[in-house]
């Protein structure tokens, strides 16, 4: 793992040479295979030190970060106008990948906090530097201030834990017995905003709509998963107090998820609709983590991986249309089946995965989460039933609106999909539907 980090840092100067993104991509593929060998040889656990480590929970999310970063470079070919922008863009992606890698690897609470907040900087640069409209500055400010508002209480909570326990190592904190409500709220609010939970979700549609395709991919694919990862780690030592208060988060998430599902039908912007669907999916993940049982933890982890691939692929599809029609409006992106019939297959495949159709990872995750929430309270079945039904509803709504009907009469010229785009979509869809064969509950330890 340290070799991986050193090679990543070593590769940064190469980004400033002429269009070296294919070299970066090959390097990431090589690292991928090294990681796979590492996982096989060391079986379950790789401890480098008390601070830097990689268990099975970090392992999947680190691989997802590398995979999405590769696909970000593939999706952003049209951003390469000037050499300087290319260099800075690649530097941004590699810097973001290092931040994410270190966030998922840190067992020290303070270092985790440092890299957790540090990953915000390159994301903000992507939105403000390569966004499409002047409103991108406002979207960046929403993202920044929503995150910063709750990050100071998290820092104070970490310092208080250090004062009481004389350690910040996550695995030692399971022996902590601090039933302090203020500490509980200060620790988890930062992650609930990052997920995001309903009521603190308004930054997400704004950021997605204004971000370039690479920004949307990393936001949907990885940044939302940072919140879930943080909650999974924190629940080790917040178990007792969470059992008293978990109904608050479960009720807000389930009712909010249902309301957001209805809200999806009101959207006329493709990226906004996909962003709201992410909030609906993450609401089930929050509920699964908060009920504090094994099914919920496993289901939330699997759904986070599945949603990272599926949502990123859907933003790629939205960008493929945007590059041709220069609009995200559903009323202009109509009748695409007339122009790109082969692309409509990929729309259907990714939409079916988004509605948790077999054999996607989303199905496995949602089955586990429904099982866990049903065991917690049978009343949750009502909201879960509505969320699942409307999830299929807005996915089919988006597919039928974009693919069917008369095409927009203002189209002057058009070109069909290129091989790079089909490869990119296949690299989203294949892991999403093949990884279900690899799921083994006994291998994921918490």
Protein backbone atom coordinates (compact mmCIF):
# COMPACT_ATOMS: atom_id res chain seq x y z
CA UNK A 1 0.00 0.00 0.00
CA UNK A 2 2.86 2.39 0.72
CA UNK A 3 4.34 1.46 -2.67
CA UNK A 4 1.02 2.41 -4.24
CA UNK A 5 1.05 5.79 -2.49
CA UNK A 6 4.67 6.49 -3.48
CA UNK A 7 3.98 5.60 -7.12
CA UNK A 8 0.92 7.88 -7.13
CA UNK A 9 3.02 10.81 -5.85
CA UNK A 10 5.80 9.93 -8.30
CA UNK A 11 3.31 10.08 -11.20
CA UNK A 12 2.25 13.69 -10.50
CA UNK A 13 5.17 15.31 -12.41
CA UNK A 14 4.36 13.15 -15.46
CA UNK A 15 0.94 14.79 -15.65
CA UNK A 16 2.69 17.98 -16.74
CA UNK A 17 4.07 16.32 -19.85
CA UNK A 18 2.14 16.19 -23.14
CA UNK A 19 -1.24 14.47 -22.84
CA UNK A 20 -0.10 11.69 -20.54
CA UNK A 21 -3.55 10.66 -19.37
CA UNK A 22 -3.29 7.22 -21.02
CA UNK A 23 -0.12 6.59 -19.04
CA UNK A 24 -1.93 7.61 -15.84
CA UNK A 25 -4.75 5.27 -16.79
CA UNK A 26 -2.40 2.33 -17.39
CA UNK A 27 -0.70 3.04 -14.08
CA UNK A 28 -4.06 2.89 -12.31
CA UNK A 29 -4.93 -0.41 -13.98
CA UNK A 30 -1.59 -1.87 -12.86
CA UNK A 31 -2.24 -0.68 -9.31
CA UNK A 32 -5.65 -2.34 -9.49
CA UNK A 33 -4.11 -5.74 -10.16
CA UNK A 34 -1.50 -5.20 -7.46
CA UNK A 35 -4.32 -4.48 -5.04
CA UNK A 36 -6.14 -7.66 -6.06
CA UNK A 37 -3.02 -9.72 -5.39
CA UNK A 38 -2.58 -7.93 -2.07
CA UNK A 39 -6.13 -8.85 -1.07
CA UNK A 40 -5.66 -12.50 -2.01
CA UNK A 41 -2.27 -12.96 -0.38
CA UNK A 42 -3.09 -11.20 2.89
CA UNK A 43 -6.62 -12.64 2.96
CA UNK A 44 -8.54 -10.40 5.34
CA UNK A 45 -6.29 -7.80 6.84
CA UNK A 46 -3.30 -5.66 6.00
CA UNK A 47 -1.83 -3.69 8.92
CA UNK A 48 1.00 -1.37 8.01
CA UNK A 49 0.91 0.57 11.26
CA UNK A 50 -1.56 1.64 13.92
CA UNK A 51 -2.45 4.61 11.74
CA UNK A 52 -2.43 3.34 8.13
CA UNK A 53 -4.28 0.09 7.52
CA UNK A 54 -6.68 -1.59 5.16
CA UNK A 55 -9.45 -3.95 6.20
CA UNK A 56 -12.19 -5.33 3.97
CA UNK A 57 -14.36 -2.26 4.46
CA UNK A 58 -11.61 0.10 3.23
CA UNK A 59 -10.54 -2.32 0.50
CA UNK A 60 -13.73 -2.13 -1.58
CA UNK A 61 -14.02 1.64 -1.35
CA UNK A 62 -10.35 2.19 -2.29
CA UNK A 63 -10.82 0.00 -5.36
CA UNK A 64 -13.99 1.94 -6.22
CA UNK A 65 -12.05 5.24 -5.91
CA UNK A 66 -9.35 4.03 -8.32
CA UNK A 67 -11.92 2.66 -10.77
CA UNK A 68 -14.03 5.84 -10.84
CA UNK A 69 -10.87 7.98 -11.25
CA UNK A 70 -9.92 5.99 -14.35
CA UNK A 71 -13.40 6.47 -15.78
CA UNK A 72 -13.33 10.19 -14.93
CA UNK A 73 -10.33 10.63 -17.20
CA UNK A 74 -12.04 8.64 -19.95
CA UNK A 75 -15.23 10.70 -19.68
CA UNK A 76 -13.52 14.09 -19.77
CA UNK A 77 -11.90 14.02 -23.20
CA UNK A 78 -13.78 17.15 -24.35
CA UNK A 79 -12.30 19.19 -21.50
CA UNK A 80 -8.85 19.05 -23.03
CA UNK A 81 -8.75 22.38 -24.81
CA UNK A 82 -5.36 23.71 -23.65
CA UNK A 83 -2.32 21.84 -22.34
CA UNK A 84 -2.34 23.84 -19.12
CA UNK A 85 -5.94 22.85 -18.35
CA UNK A 86 -5.13 19.21 -19.09
CA UNK A 87 -2.14 19.29 -16.74
CA UNK A 88 -4.08 20.93 -13.94
CA UNK A 89 -7.06 18.63 -14.49
CA UNK A 90 -4.93 15.48 -14.18
CA UNK A 91 -3.14 16.91 -11.16
CA UNK A 92 -6.55 17.54 -9.59
CA UNK A 93 -7.72 13.96 -10.15
CA UNK A 94 -4.53 12.39 -8.79
CA UNK A 95 -4.54 14.72 -5.77
CA UNK A 96 -8.18 13.78 -5.11
CA UNK A 97 -7.39 10.08 -5.46
CA UNK A 98 -4.54 10.35 -2.93
CA UNK A 99 -6.87 12.15 -0.51
CA UNK A 100 -9.55 9.46 -0.89
CA UNK A 101 -7.03 6.64 -0.56
CA UNK A 102 -5.69 8.10 2.69
CA UNK A 103 -9.19 8.79 4.03
CA UNK A 104 -10.22 5.17 3.59
CA UNK A 105 -6.92 3.89 5.03
CA UNK A 106 -6.64 5.97 8.21
CA UNK A 107 -7.41 4.45 11.60
CA UNK A 108 -6.43 7.61 13.47
CA UNK A 109 -9.51 9.79 13.96
CA UNK A 110 -7.70 13.10 13.50
CA UNK A 111 -5.87 12.02 10.34
CA UNK A 112 -9.13 10.61 9.01
CA UNK A 113 -10.78 13.99 9.64
CA UNK A 114 -7.89 15.81 7.93
CA UNK A 115 -8.11 13.81 4.69
CA UNK A 116 -11.92 13.62 4.86
CA UNK A 117 -12.08 17.42 4.71
CA UNK A 118 -9.08 17.64 2.36
CA UNK A 119 -10.95 15.72 -0.34
CA UNK A 120 -13.31 18.70 -0.54
CA UNK A 121 -10.62 20.98 -2.06
CA UNK A 122 -10.05 19.18 -5.42
CA UNK A 123 -13.82 18.56 -5.75
CA UNK A 124 -14.44 22.27 -5.32
CA UNK A 125 -11.76 23.03 -7.92
CA UNK A 126 -13.43 20.65 -10.38
CA UNK A 127 -16.81 22.35 -9.94
CA UNK A 128 -15.61 25.97 -10.03
CA UNK A 129 -12.87 25.41 -12.63
CA UNK A 130 -14.69 23.22 -15.15
CA UNK A 131 -18.40 23.88 -14.45
CA UNK A 132 -20.67 24.89 -17.31
CA UNK A 133 -22.50 27.98 -16.00
CA UNK A 134 -21.83 31.06 -13.82
CA UNK A 135 -23.99 29.48 -11.09
CA UNK A 136 -21.15 27.02 -10.44
CA UNK A 137 -19.68 29.48 -7.92
CA UNK A 138 -22.91 29.43 -5.91
CA UNK A 139 -23.00 25.62 -6.11
CA UNK A 140 -19.40 25.48 -4.88
CA UNK A 141 -20.27 27.76 -1.95
CA UNK A 142 -23.25 25.54 -1.03
CA UNK A 143 -20.98 22.49 -1.02
CA UNK A 144 -18.27 24.28 0.98
CA UNK A 145 -20.45 25.83 3.68
CA UNK A 146 -22.74 22.84 4.21
CA UNK A 147 -19.63 20.75 4.81
CA UNK A 148 -17.71 23.27 6.91
CA UNK A 149 -20.70 24.10 9.12
CA UNK A 150 -20.75 20.55 10.53
CA UNK A 151 -17.02 19.79 10.32
CA UNK A 152 -16.01 22.01 13.28
CA UNK A 153 -18.26 20.10 15.76
CA UNK A 154 -16.70 16.85 14.44
CA UNK A 155 -13.21 18.22 15.15
CA UNK A 156 -14.27 19.30 18.65
CA UNK A 157 -15.73 15.83 19.26
CA UNK A 158 -12.48 14.16 18.18
CA UNK A 159 -10.46 16.37 20.56
CA UNK A 160 -12.87 15.60 23.41
CA UNK A 161 -12.46 11.85 22.79
CA UNK A 162 -8.67 12.27 22.85
CA UNK A 163 -8.92 14.15 26.16
CA UNK A 164 -11.00 11.38 27.73
CA UNK A 165 -9.38 8.30 26.17
CA UNK A 166 -5.79 9.45 25.43
CA UNK A 167 -6.02 7.80 22.03
CA UNK A 168 -7.55 8.53 18.65
CA UNK A 169 -7.22 5.05 17.18
CA UNK A 170 -10.63 3.85 16.04
CA UNK A 171 -10.13 0.23 17.12
CA UNK A 172 -9.33 1.24 20.70
CA UNK A 173 -12.43 3.41 20.97
CA UNK A 174 -14.80 0.43 21.11
CA UNK A 175 -14.01 0.28 24.87
CA UNK A 176 -15.18 3.87 25.31
CA UNK A 177 -18.33 4.42 27.34
CA UNK A 178 -19.28 8.08 26.90
CA UNK A 179 -23.06 8.51 26.80
CA UNK A 180 -22.98 12.20 25.93
CA UNK A 181 -25.69 13.37 23.56
CA UNK A 182 -23.78 16.45 22.42
CA UNK A 183 -20.77 14.30 21.49
CA UNK A 184 -23.01 11.89 19.57
CA UNK A 185 -24.63 14.64 17.49
CA UNK A 186 -21.36 16.46 16.85
CA UNK A 187 -19.71 13.24 15.62
CA UNK A 188 -22.36 12.01 13.21
CA UNK A 189 -23.78 15.22 11.69
CA UNK A 190 -20.75 15.72 9.42
CA UNK A 191 -21.33 12.29 7.88
CA UNK A 192 -25.10 12.72 7.58
CA UNK A 193 -24.55 15.95 5.61
CA UNK A 194 -22.03 14.18 3.38
CA UNK A 195 -24.37 11.27 2.62
CA UNK A 196 -26.63 13.44 2.40
CA UNK A 197 -29.60 12.90 4.70
CA UNK A 198 -32.93 14.54 3.89
CA UNK A 199 -33.11 18.12 5.32
CA UNK A 200 -29.36 18.66 4.69
CA UNK A 201 -29.35 17.53 1.06
CA UNK A 202 -29.84 20.81 -0.83
CA UNK A 203 -26.15 21.17 -1.73
CA UNK A 204 -26.15 17.93 -3.73
CA UNK A 205 -28.52 18.77 -6.64
CA UNK A 206 -26.90 22.21 -7.00
CA UNK A 207 -23.37 20.76 -7.05
CA UNK A 208 -24.32 18.00 -9.52
CA UNK A 209 -26.12 20.30 -11.94
CA UNK A 210 -23.21 22.77 -12.14
CA UNK A 211 -20.33 20.25 -12.01
CA UNK A 212 -18.60 18.87 -15.12
CA UNK A 213 -19.01 15.16 -15.81
CA UNK A 214 -15.87 14.30 -13.81
CA UNK A 215 -17.14 16.29 -10.81
CA UNK A 216 -20.53 14.57 -10.94
CA UNK A 217 -18.90 11.15 -11.22
CA UNK A 218 -16.65 11.64 -8.21
CA UNK A 219 -19.44 13.25 -6.16
CA UNK A 220 -21.93 10.45 -6.82
CA UNK A 221 -19.38 7.63 -6.95
CA UNK A 222 -17.13 8.37 -3.97
CA UNK A 223 -17.87 11.55 -2.02
CA UNK A 224 -21.31 10.37 -0.85
CA UNK A 225 -19.71 7.10 0.26
CA UNK A 226 -17.34 8.97 2.59
CA UNK A 227 -20.34 9.73 4.80
CA UNK A 228 -21.45 6.10 4.93
CA UNK A 229 -17.90 4.91 5.59
CA UNK A 230 -17.53 7.39 8.46
CA UNK A 231 -20.81 6.24 10.03
CA UNK A 232 -19.81 2.56 9.75
CA UNK A 233 -16.53 3.36 11.56
CA UNK A 234 -18.11 5.53 14.25
CA UNK A 235 -20.84 3.05 15.13
CA UNK A 236 -18.12 0.88 16.73
CA UNK A 237 -18.04 3.15 19.78
CA UNK A 238 -21.42 4.93 19.55
CA UNK A 239 -23.49 1.75 19.79
CA UNK A 240 -25.12 2.29 23.17
CA UNK A 241 -26.31 5.86 22.62
CA UNK A 242 -27.28 5.15 19.02
CA UNK A 243 -29.69 2.43 20.14
CA UNK A 244 -31.64 5.13 22.04
CA UNK A 245 -31.72 7.68 19.22
CA UNK A 246 -31.64 5.67 15.99
CA UNK A 247 -35.40 5.95 15.40
CA UNK A 248 -34.94 9.71 14.69
CA UNK A 249 -32.62 9.09 11.74
CA UNK A 250 -34.55 6.09 10.43
CA UNK A 251 -37.86 8.01 10.40
CA UNK A 252 -36.35 11.12 8.78
CA UNK A 253 -34.52 9.03 6.17
CA UNK A 254 -37.45 6.81 5.19
CA UNK A 255 -40.02 9.61 4.98
CA UNK A 256 -37.47 11.88 3.26
CA UNK A 257 -36.54 9.14 0.80
CA UNK A 258 -40.20 8.71 -0.15
CA UNK A 259 -40.68 12.47 -0.60
CA UNK A 260 -37.50 12.78 -2.68
CA UNK A 261 -38.68 9.88 -4.88
CA UNK A 262 -41.83 11.88 -5.63
CA UNK A 263 -39.70 14.97 -6.22
CA UNK A 264 -37.82 13.10 -8.97
CA UNK A 265 -40.97 13.07 -11.10
CA UNK A 266 -41.06 16.90 -10.98
CA UNK A 267 -37.55 17.39 -12.42
CA UNK A 268 -36.94 18.62 -15.96
CA UNK A 269 -33.13 18.57 -15.67
CA UNK A 270 -31.57 15.13 -16.25
CA UNK A 271 -28.65 15.65 -13.85
CA UNK A 272 -30.95 17.04 -11.17
CA UNK A 273 -33.18 13.96 -11.43
CA UNK A 274 -30.19 11.62 -11.08
CA UNK A 275 -28.92 13.67 -8.11
CA UNK A 276 -32.26 13.43 -6.30
CA UNK A 277 -32.35 9.67 -6.97
CA UNK A 278 -28.97 9.46 -5.18
CA UNK A 279 -30.52 11.12 -2.11
CA UNK A 280 -33.36 8.56 -2.17
CA UNK A 281 -30.90 5.64 -2.33
CA UNK A 282 -28.66 7.06 0.39
CA UNK A 283 -31.68 7.46 2.69
CA UNK A 284 -32.07 3.67 2.75
CA UNK A 285 -28.32 3.32 3.43
CA UNK A 286 -28.55 5.67 6.44
CA UNK A 287 -31.53 3.70 7.79
CA UNK A 288 -29.64 0.41 7.37
CA UNK A 289 -26.61 1.70 9.29
CA UNK A 290 -28.70 3.22 12.08
CA UNK A 291 -30.71 0.08 12.92
CA UNK A 292 -27.43 -1.45 14.13
CA UNK A 293 -27.65 -5.01 12.91
CA UNK A 294 -25.40 -7.11 10.70
CA UNK A 295 -27.81 -7.25 7.76
CA UNK A 296 -28.03 -3.46 7.76
CA UNK A 297 -24.27 -2.94 7.85
CA UNK A 298 -23.65 -5.41 5.04
CA UNK A 299 -26.55 -4.11 2.95
CA UNK A 300 -25.48 -0.49 3.29
CA UNK A 301 -21.90 -1.34 2.31
CA UNK A 302 -22.96 -3.35 -0.76
CA UNK A 303 -25.48 -0.69 -1.84
CA UNK A 304 -22.82 2.02 -1.51
CA UNK A 305 -20.50 0.14 -3.88
CA UNK A 306 -23.35 -0.62 -6.31
CA UNK A 307 -24.72 2.92 -6.26
CA UNK A 308 -21.23 4.36 -6.82
CA UNK A 309 -20.92 2.48 -10.10
CA UNK A 310 -24.53 2.90 -11.22
CA UNK A 311 -24.92 6.61 -10.46
CA UNK A 312 -21.55 7.44 -12.03
CA UNK A 313 -22.61 5.61 -15.21
CA UNK A 314 -25.89 7.50 -15.33
CA UNK A 315 -24.05 10.84 -15.13
CA UNK A 316 -21.85 9.65 -18.01
CA UNK A 317 -24.98 8.98 -20.07
CA UNK A 318 -26.35 12.44 -19.24
CA UNK A 319 -23.04 13.98 -20.32
CA UNK A 320 -23.00 12.03 -23.61
CA UNK A 321 -26.35 13.66 -24.45
CA UNK A 322 -25.17 17.07 -23.22
CA UNK A 323 -22.09 17.03 -25.47
CA UNK A 324 -24.36 16.60 -28.49
CA UNK A 325 -27.42 18.72 -27.65
CA UNK A 326 -25.81 21.25 -25.25
CA UNK A 327 -28.80 20.97 -22.95
CA UNK A 328 -29.77 18.92 -19.91
CA UNK A 329 -33.50 19.56 -20.32
CA UNK A 330 -35.74 16.52 -20.67
CA UNK A 331 -37.81 18.42 -23.24
CA UNK A 332 -34.81 18.75 -25.58
CA UNK A 333 -33.26 15.34 -24.83
CA UNK A 334 -36.15 13.42 -26.42
CA UNK A 335 -36.31 10.67 -28.98
CA UNK A 336 -32.67 9.68 -28.61
CA UNK A 337 -33.47 6.19 -29.85
CA UNK A 338 -33.83 7.70 -33.33
CA UNK A 339 -30.22 8.92 -33.28
CA UNK A 340 -28.33 6.41 -31.11
CA UNK A 341 -30.26 3.12 -30.90
CA UNK A 342 -27.24 1.27 -29.49
CA UNK A 343 -26.85 3.90 -26.74
CA UNK A 344 -30.45 3.31 -25.66
CA UNK A 345 -29.39 -0.23 -24.65
CA UNK A 346 -26.91 1.25 -22.16
CA UNK A 347 -29.55 3.66 -20.92
CA UNK A 348 -31.83 0.71 -20.26
CA UNK A 349 -29.15 -1.41 -18.59
CA UNK A 350 -28.06 1.33 -16.19
CA UNK A 351 -31.64 2.41 -15.45
CA UNK A 352 -32.58 -1.19 -14.65
CA UNK A 353 -29.59 -1.40 -12.28
CA UNK A 354 -30.69 1.88 -10.67
CA UNK A 355 -34.11 0.40 -9.92
CA UNK A 356 -32.35 -2.63 -8.32
CA UNK A 357 -33.16 -5.19 -11.00
CA UNK A 358 -31.20 -8.47 -10.95
CA UNK A 359 -28.32 -9.23 -11.22
CA UNK A 360 -27.04 -5.84 -10.01
CA UNK A 361 -25.30 -5.17 -6.70
CA UNK A 362 -28.10 -2.70 -5.92
CA UNK A 363 -30.54 -5.63 -5.69
CA UNK A 364 -28.33 -7.47 -3.22
CA UNK A 365 -27.91 -4.34 -1.10
CA UNK A 366 -31.61 -3.47 -1.10
CA UNK A 367 -32.67 -7.02 -0.17
CA UNK A 368 -30.31 -6.91 2.82
CA UNK A 369 -31.50 -3.45 3.86
CA UNK A 370 -35.17 -4.38 3.57
CA UNK A 371 -34.45 -7.47 5.68
CA UNK A 372 -32.68 -5.42 8.36
CA UNK A 373 -35.32 -2.67 8.53
CA UNK A 374 -38.15 -5.20 8.63
CA UNK A 375 -36.50 -6.93 11.58
CA UNK A 376 -36.23 -3.55 13.33
CA UNK A 377 -39.89 -2.58 12.80
CA UNK A 378 -42.56 -3.99 10.50
CA UNK A 379 -44.01 -0.47 10.04
CA UNK A 380 -40.92 0.47 7.99
CA UNK A 381 -42.23 -1.97 5.36
CA UNK A 382 -44.74 0.68 4.21
CA UNK A 383 -42.12 3.33 3.42
CA UNK A 384 -39.69 0.78 1.95
CA UNK A 385 -42.42 -0.50 -0.36
CA UNK A 386 -43.17 3.06 -1.56
CA UNK A 387 -39.47 3.97 -2.02
CA UNK A 388 -38.78 0.78 -4.00
CA UNK A 389 -41.85 1.26 -6.18
CA UNK A 390 -41.15 4.91 -6.97
CA UNK A 391 -37.46 4.11 -7.55
CA UNK A 392 -38.54 1.92 -10.45
CA UNK A 393 -41.04 4.62 -11.45
CA UNK A 394 -38.61 7.51 -11.86
CA UNK A 395 -36.00 5.28 -13.52
CA UNK A 396 -38.52 4.23 -16.18
CA UNK A 397 -39.80 7.83 -16.39
CA UNK A 398 -36.30 9.09 -17.21
CA UNK A 399 -35.62 6.27 -19.69
CA UNK A 400 -38.91 6.63 -21.57
CA UNK A 401 -38.73 10.45 -21.66
CA UNK A 402 -35.18 10.51 -23.03
CA UNK A 403 -35.41 7.59 -25.47
CA UNK A 404 -38.96 7.72 -26.82
CA UNK A 405 -41.09 10.37 -28.48
CA UNK A 406 -40.38 12.88 -31.24
CA UNK A 407 -36.88 14.27 -31.33
CA UNK A 408 -36.29 17.97 -30.75
CA UNK A 409 -36.90 19.89 -33.98
CA UNK A 410 -34.09 22.39 -33.28
CA UNK A 411 -31.31 19.79 -33.75
CA UNK A 412 -29.02 20.93 -36.57
CA UNK A 413 -26.21 18.35 -36.58
CA UNK A 414 -25.50 15.22 -34.59
CA UNK A 415 -22.95 12.44 -34.20
CA UNK A 416 -23.47 9.00 -32.73
CA UNK A 417 -21.64 7.34 -29.89
CA UNK A 418 -17.90 6.68 -30.14
CA UNK A 419 -16.03 3.59 -28.95
CA UNK A 420 -14.56 5.43 -25.93
CA UNK A 421 -18.06 6.11 -24.63
CA UNK A 422 -19.27 2.54 -25.10
CA UNK A 423 -16.14 1.23 -23.35
CA UNK A 424 -16.67 3.67 -20.49
CA UNK A 425 -20.29 2.57 -20.01
CA UNK A 426 -19.33 -1.10 -20.18
CA UNK A 427 -16.70 -0.53 -17.46
CA UNK A 428 -19.46 0.87 -15.26
CA UNK A 429 -22.01 -1.83 -15.94
CA UNK A 430 -19.87 -4.98 -15.91
CA UNK A 431 -18.46 -4.64 -12.35
CA UNK A 432 -21.91 -3.58 -11.14
CA UNK A 433 -23.49 -6.83 -12.38
CA UNK A 434 -20.61 -9.28 -12.04
CA UNK A 435 -19.56 -8.36 -8.48
CA UNK A 436 -22.79 -9.90 -7.17
CA UNK A 437 -21.13 -13.29 -7.81
CA UNK A 438 -18.29 -12.27 -5.50
CA UNK A 439 -20.36 -11.14 -2.50
CA UNK A 440 -19.47 -13.23 0.54
CA UNK A 441 -20.91 -12.10 3.86
CA UNK A 442 -18.32 -13.94 5.87
CA UNK A 443 -15.52 -11.91 4.25
CA UNK A 444 -16.77 -8.48 5.35
CA UNK A 445 -15.75 -7.87 8.95
CA UNK A 446 -16.75 -4.86 10.99
